[in-house]
Amino acid sequence: MALPAISNVDLKLLSVFRTVARCGGFSLAQAELNVSQATISIHIKNLETRLGLRLCQRGRSGFALTEDGQRVYDASNALFVHIEDFRSLILGYEQLIGELQIAIIDNSVFHPKFQLGNVISRFGELDHKVDITVHVAPPNQLEHMVLSGQAHIGIGYFPRRISQLSYEPLYTSEMRLYCGQGHPLFDKNEDDITVTGVSSYPHAQRGYVSVDQMAENERSFIYTARAPNIEGLAHLVLSGKYLAFLPTHYASKFQEQGAIRPILNEEYEYGSCYEIIRRQAAARTPAEKKFHELLMLESRERTLI
């Protein structure tokens, strides 16, 4: 069957489908699309009719893309990336217009050396007509959002390297190993805590860091819990049952309350480099260029404080 020419209506239907697939179902996509589930269902049915394919399974068993649905999802992501690149090239080099999608790791708002809010404030003082969206997600999702064109810029900690992305250092976060109140190590003197002892207790693994990406002294830990984000790790540490690495800028408020404490800083403390990622092949809009400039300015100024 020959695919009919793509119209504006098709682009709208594909956009709805991408949101549904990304969110993992009609109900979860409802808030983002700001339409009823019935309307979403009609759009998906119209797209399936238009393409002559069944794109997803929905019902009591839950939502899932079919094999054809996954192919259409991947192809539509590529299509919208090319559309965005085209728009970027014809916007001109002086006009700050269009949209800017920024994706950032969770809990960075507490970092004393980097404040995205300051960057957005400076951007807001410029003469622009840019619709800004800020997404918060774990590193692997940030990578996916930038690769698929859902975000122009990603900011976070990225332990792996993907050839299609560029990486630029932005700021450093200090990491320490923490235990929570109620943990056997919590009330012990630092001098009585040993590396061997630390290794014998259950640890919570950062879900976005594989064992082979860890420092050598972390690979012997017993990982019986994990979380894909910092807040999840904090909950596990606060339980008093697990040890985990947390950024000091985030952990400090719990430490001040006496709920957690760092252990063996000399052995386990390290700096984690947070970076800006973007698609190497993507054309930069004037808005993205200016925002990137302000990001680097904020980073330089905060480093000097």
Protein backbone atom coordinates (compact mmCIF):
# COMPACT_ATOMS: atom_id res chain seq x y z
CA MET A 1 0.00 0.00 0.00
CA ALA A 2 1.39 3.40 -1.03
CA LEU A 3 1.61 5.93 1.77
CA PRO A 4 -0.43 9.06 0.95
CA ALA A 5 1.26 12.46 0.96
CA ILE A 6 1.81 13.77 4.47
CA SER A 7 -0.53 16.64 5.33
CA ASN A 8 -0.81 19.03 8.28
CA VAL A 9 -3.50 16.75 9.67
CA ASP A 10 -1.11 13.80 9.53
CA LEU A 11 1.52 15.79 11.39
CA LYS A 12 -0.99 16.60 14.11
CA LEU A 13 -2.03 12.95 14.41
CA LEU A 14 1.61 11.83 14.53
CA SER A 15 2.32 14.42 17.22
CA VAL A 16 -0.52 13.04 19.34
CA PHE A 17 0.71 9.49 18.77
CA ARG A 18 4.27 10.43 19.81
CA THR A 19 2.97 11.90 23.05
CA VAL A 20 0.85 8.84 23.80
CA ALA A 21 3.76 6.49 23.08
CA ARG A 22 6.20 8.57 25.13
CA CYS A 23 3.81 8.81 28.09
CA GLY A 24 2.90 5.13 27.92
CA GLY A 25 -0.83 5.38 27.45
CA PHE A 26 -3.90 7.51 26.78
CA SER A 27 -4.62 8.51 30.37
CA LEU A 28 -1.02 9.59 31.04
CA ALA A 29 -0.96 11.62 27.81
CA GLN A 30 -4.26 13.34 28.59
CA ALA A 31 -2.81 16.03 30.84
CA GLU A 32 0.05 16.84 28.47
CA LEU A 33 -2.22 17.08 25.43
CA ASN A 34 -5.00 18.82 27.39
CA VAL A 35 -7.73 16.85 25.62
CA SER A 36 -10.03 14.02 26.67
CA GLN A 37 -9.12 10.35 26.34
CA ALA A 38 -12.00 9.98 23.90
CA THR A 39 -10.46 12.65 21.65
CA ILE A 40 -7.04 10.99 21.88
CA SER A 41 -8.61 7.65 20.97
CA ILE A 42 -10.24 9.20 17.88
CA HIS A 43 -6.92 10.72 16.79
CA ILE A 44 -5.07 7.42 17.15
CA LYS A 45 -7.83 5.54 15.31
CA ASN A 46 -7.72 8.10 12.48
CA LEU A 47 -3.94 7.72 12.24
CA GLU A 48 -4.24 3.91 12.15
CA THR A 49 -6.83 4.21 9.38
CA ARG A 50 -4.65 6.67 7.51
CA LEU A 51 -1.60 4.38 7.68
CA GLY A 52 -3.48 1.09 7.42
CA LEU A 53 -1.65 -0.18 10.52
CA ARG A 54 -2.50 -1.13 14.06
CA LEU A 55 -0.21 1.01 16.21
CA CYS A 56 -0.98 0.03 19.77
CA GLN A 57 -2.79 -2.40 22.00
CA ARG A 58 -4.99 -0.93 24.69
CA GLY A 59 -7.37 -2.47 27.14
CA ARG A 60 -7.43 -4.20 30.50
CA SER A 61 -3.96 -5.63 29.94
CA GLY A 62 -2.57 -2.12 29.59
CA PHE A 63 -1.00 -0.08 26.83
CA ALA A 64 1.72 -1.33 24.47
CA LEU A 65 3.00 -0.42 21.04
CA THR A 66 2.72 -3.02 18.33
CA GLU A 67 5.72 -3.79 16.15
CA ASP A 68 4.29 -1.43 13.51
CA GLY A 69 3.60 1.12 16.23
CA GLN A 70 7.24 1.08 17.33
CA ARG A 71 8.37 1.57 13.72
CA VAL A 72 6.00 4.52 13.27
CA TYR A 73 7.09 5.99 16.60
CA ASP A 74 10.79 5.79 15.66
CA ALA A 75 10.13 7.18 12.18
CA SER A 76 7.94 10.01 13.48
CA ASN A 77 10.64 11.00 15.98
CA ALA A 78 13.11 11.25 13.09
CA LEU A 79 10.58 13.20 11.03
CA PHE A 80 9.96 15.80 13.71
CA VAL A 81 13.68 16.15 14.33
CA HIS A 82 14.17 17.02 10.63
CA ILE A 83 11.25 19.44 10.72
CA GLU A 84 12.78 21.18 13.73
CA ASP A 85 16.15 21.33 11.96
CA PHE A 86 14.46 22.89 8.92
CA ARG A 87 12.71 25.48 11.10
CA SER A 88 16.02 26.26 12.78
CA LEU A 89 17.70 27.00 9.46
CA ILE A 90 15.03 29.42 8.22
CA LEU A 91 14.43 31.34 11.44
CA GLY A 92 17.37 33.65 10.74
CA TYR A 93 20.25 34.51 13.01
CA GLU A 94 18.89 37.43 14.99
CA GLN A 95 15.30 36.56 15.88
CA LEU A 96 14.65 34.88 19.21
CA ILE A 97 11.42 33.13 18.31
CA GLY A 98 9.97 29.63 18.33
CA GLU A 99 10.31 27.20 21.23
CA LEU A 100 13.10 26.04 23.52
CA GLN A 101 12.95 22.62 25.16
CA ILE A 102 15.35 22.20 28.09
CA ALA A 103 15.79 18.88 29.91
CA ILE A 104 17.66 18.80 33.23
CA ILE A 105 18.51 16.22 35.89
CA ASP A 106 16.40 16.17 39.06
CA ASN A 107 17.32 18.15 42.21
CA SER A 108 19.83 20.41 40.47
CA VAL A 109 17.74 23.31 41.77
CA PHE A 110 19.60 23.01 45.11
CA HIS A 111 23.10 23.34 43.64
CA PRO A 112 24.89 26.49 44.93
CA LYS A 113 27.16 26.74 41.89
CA PHE A 114 24.51 26.51 39.20
CA GLN A 115 21.00 27.94 39.07
CA LEU A 116 18.97 27.36 35.90
CA GLY A 117 16.44 29.89 37.21
CA ASN A 118 19.03 32.65 36.89
CA VAL A 119 19.70 31.68 33.27
CA ILE A 120 15.98 31.72 32.47
CA SER A 121 15.67 35.11 34.20
CA ARG A 122 18.45 36.59 32.06
CA PHE A 123 16.91 35.12 28.93
CA GLY A 124 13.57 36.63 29.94
CA GLU A 125 15.11 40.12 29.95
CA LEU A 126 15.88 39.81 26.22
CA ASP A 127 13.53 40.78 23.43
CA HIS A 128 12.16 37.38 22.50
CA LYS A 129 9.06 35.42 21.58
CA VAL A 130 10.22 32.00 22.75
CA ASP A 131 8.03 29.41 24.44
CA ILE A 132 10.24 27.70 27.05
CA THR A 133 9.57 24.23 28.46
CA VAL A 134 11.68 22.70 31.25
CA HIS A 135 11.64 18.92 31.63
CA VAL A 136 13.12 17.04 34.63
CA ALA A 137 14.31 13.47 34.11
CA PRO A 138 17.09 10.96 34.91
CA PRO A 139 20.19 10.93 32.66
CA ASN A 140 19.17 8.08 30.33
CA GLN A 141 15.86 9.80 29.62
CA LEU A 142 17.61 13.13 29.06
CA GLU A 143 19.75 11.43 26.42
CA HIS A 144 16.67 9.96 24.74
CA MET A 145 14.87 13.32 24.73
CA VAL A 146 17.80 15.09 23.09
CA LEU A 147 18.38 12.29 20.55
CA SER A 148 14.70 12.18 19.58
CA GLY A 149 14.42 15.95 19.25
CA GLN A 150 12.11 16.34 22.25
CA ALA A 151 14.71 18.60 23.88
CA HIS A 152 17.23 21.01 22.39
CA ILE A 153 19.53 20.87 25.42
CA GLY A 154 20.06 18.30 28.18
CA ILE A 155 21.86 19.09 31.45
CA GLY A 156 22.98 16.31 33.77
CA TYR A 157 25.50 13.64 34.66
CA PHE A 158 26.19 11.26 31.78
CA PRO A 159 28.46 8.29 32.58
CA ARG A 160 28.34 6.90 29.03
CA ARG A 161 29.17 8.50 25.68
CA ILE A 162 26.84 8.41 22.68
CA SER A 163 28.39 9.28 19.32
CA GLN A 164 25.40 11.33 18.12
CA LEU A 165 25.65 13.69 21.10
CA SER A 166 28.12 16.42 22.00
CA TYR A 167 29.16 16.92 25.64
CA GLU A 168 30.28 20.16 27.26
CA PRO A 169 31.26 20.51 30.95
CA LEU A 170 29.03 22.89 32.92
CA TYR A 171 29.63 22.43 36.66
CA THR A 172 30.89 19.91 39.20
CA SER A 173 28.88 18.33 42.00
CA GLU A 174 30.53 16.86 45.08
CA MET A 175 29.38 13.31 45.85
CA ARG A 176 29.63 11.46 49.16
CA LEU A 177 28.52 8.10 50.54
CA TYR A 178 25.68 8.43 53.08
CA CYS A 179 23.87 6.30 55.63
CA GLY A 180 20.62 7.15 57.41
CA GLN A 181 19.55 7.25 61.02
CA GLY A 182 18.92 3.70 62.23
CA HIS A 183 21.65 2.20 60.08
CA PRO A 184 24.30 0.21 62.05
CA LEU A 185 27.00 2.65 60.88
CA PHE A 186 25.10 5.83 61.76
CA ASP A 187 26.24 6.12 65.39
CA LYS A 188 29.70 4.64 64.89
CA ASN A 189 32.82 6.77 65.23
CA GLU A 190 34.43 7.47 61.87
CA ASP A 191 37.63 5.79 63.04
CA ASP A 192 35.70 2.56 63.70
CA ILE A 193 34.28 2.37 60.16
CA THR A 194 36.30 0.41 57.61
CA VAL A 195 36.08 -0.06 53.86
CA THR A 196 35.51 -3.76 54.45
CA GLY A 197 32.68 -2.96 56.84
CA VAL A 198 31.07 -0.55 54.36
CA SER A 199 31.20 -3.19 51.64
CA SER A 200 29.37 -5.71 53.82
CA TYR A 201 26.14 -3.68 54.02
CA PRO A 202 23.40 -3.37 51.36
CA HIS A 203 23.82 -0.45 48.96
CA ALA A 204 21.41 1.39 46.68
CA GLN A 205 22.62 1.72 43.10
CA ARG A 206 22.12 4.76 40.89
CA GLY A 207 19.98 3.24 38.15
CA TYR A 208 21.67 5.22 35.41
CA VAL A 209 25.21 4.03 36.32
CA SER A 210 26.19 0.48 35.42
CA VAL A 211 28.74 -1.44 37.49
CA ASP A 212 31.44 -1.10 34.83
CA GLN A 213 31.01 2.71 34.94
CA MET A 214 31.61 2.87 38.69
CA ALA A 215 34.84 3.62 40.50
CA GLU A 216 36.85 0.54 41.40
CA ASN A 217 36.06 0.80 45.13
CA GLU A 218 32.29 0.76 44.42
CA ARG A 219 32.19 -2.41 42.35
CA SER A 220 32.43 -4.72 45.36
CA PHE A 221 29.33 -3.22 47.00
CA ILE A 222 26.25 -5.41 47.54
CA TYR A 223 23.48 -3.73 45.52
CA THR A 224 20.04 -4.85 46.67
CA ALA A 225 18.12 -1.66 45.80
CA ARG A 226 18.27 0.97 43.08
CA ALA A 227 16.66 4.21 41.94
CA PRO A 228 16.81 6.10 38.64
CA ASN A 229 17.02 9.51 40.33
CA ILE A 230 18.51 11.31 43.34
CA GLU A 231 15.24 11.64 45.24
CA GLY A 232 14.67 7.89 45.04
CA LEU A 233 18.16 7.25 46.41
CA ALA A 234 17.51 9.71 49.23
CA HIS A 235 14.39 7.79 50.28
CA LEU A 236 16.43 4.58 50.41
CA VAL A 237 19.17 6.19 52.52
CA LEU A 238 16.59 7.78 54.85
CA SER A 239 15.13 4.32 55.47
CA GLY A 240 18.27 3.45 57.41
CA LYS A 241 18.60 0.21 55.44
CA TYR A 242 20.88 1.22 52.57
CA LEU A 243 24.05 3.14 51.81
CA ALA A 244 24.13 5.31 48.68
CA PHE A 245 25.97 8.16 47.01
CA LEU A 246 24.21 11.54 47.05
CA PRO A 247 25.27 15.03 45.90
CA THR A 248 26.31 17.07 48.95
CA HIS A 249 24.20 20.05 47.81
CA TYR A 250 21.11 17.86 48.01
CA ALA A 251 22.05 15.83 51.09
CA SER A 252 23.02 18.85 53.23
CA LYS A 253 19.46 19.65 54.35
CA PHE A 254 18.95 16.08 55.62
CA GLN A 255 22.37 16.10 57.25
CA GLU A 256 21.53 19.34 59.11
CA GLN A 257 18.39 17.65 60.43
CA GLY A 258 20.48 14.74 61.72
CA ALA A 259 18.70 12.28 59.43
CA ILE A 260 21.76 11.17 57.44
CA ARG A 261 25.54 11.38 57.65
CA PRO A 262 28.42 10.92 55.20
CA ILE A 263 30.94 8.17 55.89
CA LEU A 264 34.60 7.72 54.94
CA ASN A 265 34.81 10.91 52.87
CA GLU A 266 38.51 10.46 52.34
CA GLU A 267 37.87 7.11 50.69
CA TYR A 268 34.65 7.73 48.77
CA GLU A 269 34.22 11.46 48.09
CA TYR A 270 34.56 12.50 44.44
CA GLY A 271 33.48 15.19 42.00
CA SER A 272 30.79 14.43 39.43
CA CYS A 273 30.91 16.50 36.25
CA TYR A 274 27.54 17.73 34.99
CA GLU A 275 27.43 18.47 31.27
CA ILE A 276 25.35 20.03 28.52
CA ILE A 277 24.36 17.59 25.77
CA ARG A 278 22.87 18.26 22.36
CA ARG A 279 22.56 16.43 19.05
CA GLN A 280 25.71 16.97 17.03
CA ALA A 281 23.88 17.05 13.71
CA ALA A 282 21.14 19.46 14.86
CA ALA A 283 21.11 23.04 13.60
CA ARG A 284 21.02 25.54 16.44
CA THR A 285 18.21 28.06 16.62
CA PRO A 286 19.09 31.63 17.65
CA ALA A 287 17.20 30.99 20.91
CA GLU A 288 19.25 27.90 21.68
CA LYS A 289 22.51 29.71 20.88
CA LYS A 290 21.66 32.60 23.19
CA PHE A 291 20.48 30.30 25.97
CA HIS A 292 23.67 28.26 25.70
CA GLU A 293 25.71 31.46 25.96
CA LEU A 294 23.83 32.41 29.14
CA LEU A 295 24.29 28.89 30.56
CA MET A 296 28.05 29.16 30.22
CA LEU A 297 28.06 32.70 31.65
CA GLU A 298 26.13 31.51 34.71
CA SER A 299 28.54 28.63 35.15
CA ARG A 300 31.62 30.88 34.94
CA GLU A 301 30.21 33.46 37.33
CA ARG A 302 29.14 30.88 39.92
CA THR A 303 32.53 29.20 39.78
CA LEU A 304 34.12 32.48 40.87
CA ILE A 305 31.84 32.87 43.92
